[in-house]
Amino acid sequence: MAKNFWQKLELKLKGNPGIGTIEVILILVVLIALVLVFKSQIMGLVDTIFGHINSSIEEVY
């Protein structure tokens, strides 16, 4: 699935001559800013998911 996403993204970037380096950099900056703003929520979500995975593993073994 991830490979398919990257292939589609590459086709869009190559197929659209109007998108340039500045646009890609701005998108990355916005994504990084969002990660920094929501860092605690993201970490909490990841901790919860791994907690569920670990408890499920303990039930199996």
C-alpha atoms as a PDB file:
ATOM      1  CA  MET A   1       0.000   0.000   0.000  1.00  0.00           C
ATOM      2  CA  ALA A   2       2.786   2.445   0.870  1.00  0.00           C
ATOM      3  CA  LYS A   3       4.586   1.574  -2.350  1.00  0.00           C
ATOM      4  CA  ASN A   4       1.430   2.332  -4.305  1.00  0.00           C
ATOM      5  CA  PHE A   5       1.103   5.703  -2.541  1.00  0.00           C
ATOM      6  CA  TRP A   6       4.667   6.697  -3.382  1.00  0.00           C
ATOM      7  CA  GLN A   7       4.227   5.602  -6.997  1.00  0.00           C
ATOM      8  CA  LYS A   8       1.070   7.728  -7.322  1.00  0.00           C
ATOM      9  CA  LEU A   9       2.806  10.685  -5.692  1.00  0.00           C
ATOM     10  CA  GLU A  10       5.754  10.373  -8.046  1.00  0.00           C
ATOM     11  CA  LEU A  11       3.446  10.256 -11.064  1.00  0.00           C
ATOM     12  CA  LYS A  12       1.584  13.354  -9.861  1.00  0.00           C
ATOM     13  CA  LEU A  13       4.803  15.273  -9.283  1.00  0.00           C
ATOM     14  CA  LYS A  14       6.249  14.289 -12.646  1.00  0.00           C
ATOM     15  CA  GLY A  15       2.984  14.792 -14.487  1.00  0.00           C
ATOM     16  CA  ASN A  16       2.358  18.295 -13.159  1.00  0.00           C
ATOM     17  CA  PRO A  17       4.949  20.760 -14.444  1.00  0.00           C
ATOM     18  CA  GLY A  18       3.474  23.552 -12.287  1.00  0.00           C
ATOM     19  CA  ILE A  19       4.615  22.032  -8.992  1.00  0.00           C
ATOM     20  CA  GLY A  20       8.090  23.023  -8.014  1.00  0.00           C
ATOM     21  CA  THR A  21      10.606  22.698  -5.274  1.00  0.00           C
ATOM     22  CA  ILE A  22       9.145  25.580  -3.288  1.00  0.00           C
ATOM     23  CA  GLU A  23       5.723  23.940  -3.107  1.00  0.00           C
ATOM     24  CA  VAL A  24       7.162  20.625  -1.964  1.00  0.00           C
ATOM     25  CA  ILE A  25       9.281  22.372   0.684  1.00  0.00           C
ATOM     26  CA  LEU A  26       6.245  24.333   1.923  1.00  0.00           C
ATOM     27  CA  ILE A  27       4.209  21.134   2.227  1.00  0.00           C
ATOM     28  CA  LEU A  28       7.022  19.503   4.208  1.00  0.00           C
ATOM     29  CA  VAL A  29       7.294  22.555   6.489  1.00  0.00           C
ATOM     30  CA  VAL A  30       3.555  22.454   7.182  1.00  0.00           C
ATOM     31  CA  LEU A  31       3.666  18.720   7.913  1.00  0.00           C
ATOM     32  CA  ILE A  32       6.617  19.136  10.281  1.00  0.00           C
ATOM     33  CA  ALA A  33       4.853  22.027  12.035  1.00  0.00           C
ATOM     34  CA  LEU A  34       1.735  19.891  12.497  1.00  0.00           C
ATOM     35  CA  VAL A  35       3.801  17.070  13.956  1.00  0.00           C
ATOM     36  CA  LEU A  36       5.454  19.483  16.387  1.00  0.00           C
ATOM     37  CA  VAL A  37       2.123  21.014  17.424  1.00  0.00           C
ATOM     38  CA  PHE A  38       0.447  17.647  17.966  1.00  0.00           C
ATOM     39  CA  LYS A  39       3.522  15.798  19.238  1.00  0.00           C
ATOM     40  CA  SER A  40       2.061  14.892  22.642  1.00  0.00           C
ATOM     41  CA  GLN A  41      -1.170  13.588  21.109  1.00  0.00           C
ATOM     42  CA  ILE A  42       0.750  11.572  18.524  1.00  0.00           C
ATOM     43  CA  MET A  43       3.017  10.090  21.184  1.00  0.00           C
ATOM     44  CA  GLY A  44      -0.006   9.237  23.347  1.00  0.00           C
ATOM     45  CA  LEU A  45      -1.678   7.504  20.420  1.00  0.00           C
ATOM     46  CA  VAL A  46       1.472   5.543  19.580  1.00  0.00           C
ATOM     47  CA  ASP A  47       1.928   4.523  23.233  1.00  0.00           C
ATOM     48  CA  THR A  48      -1.685   3.347  23.401  1.00  0.00           C
ATOM     49  CA  ILE A  49      -1.366   1.343  20.194  1.00  0.00           C
ATOM     50  CA  PHE A  50       1.863  -0.331  21.325  1.00  0.00           C
ATOM     51  CA  GLY A  51       0.301  -1.008  24.725  1.00  0.00           C
ATOM     52  CA  HIS A  52      -2.558  -2.848  23.046  1.00  0.00           C
ATOM     53  CA  ILE A  53      -0.118  -4.752  20.844  1.00  0.00           C
ATOM     54  CA  ASN A  54       1.991  -5.779  23.843  1.00  0.00           C
ATOM     55  CA  SER A  55      -1.046  -6.930  25.836  1.00  0.00           C
ATOM     56  CA  SER A  56      -2.266  -8.934  22.848  1.00  0.00           C
ATOM     57  CA  ILE A  57       1.136 -10.543  22.480  1.00  0.00           C
ATOM     58  CA  GLU A  58       1.175 -11.454  26.173  1.00  0.00           C
ATOM     59  CA  GLU A  59      -2.248 -13.089  25.800  1.00  0.00           C
ATOM     60  CA  VAL A  60      -1.022 -15.193  22.892  1.00  0.00           C
ATOM     61  CA  TYR A  61       2.154 -16.340  24.585  1.00  0.00           C
END
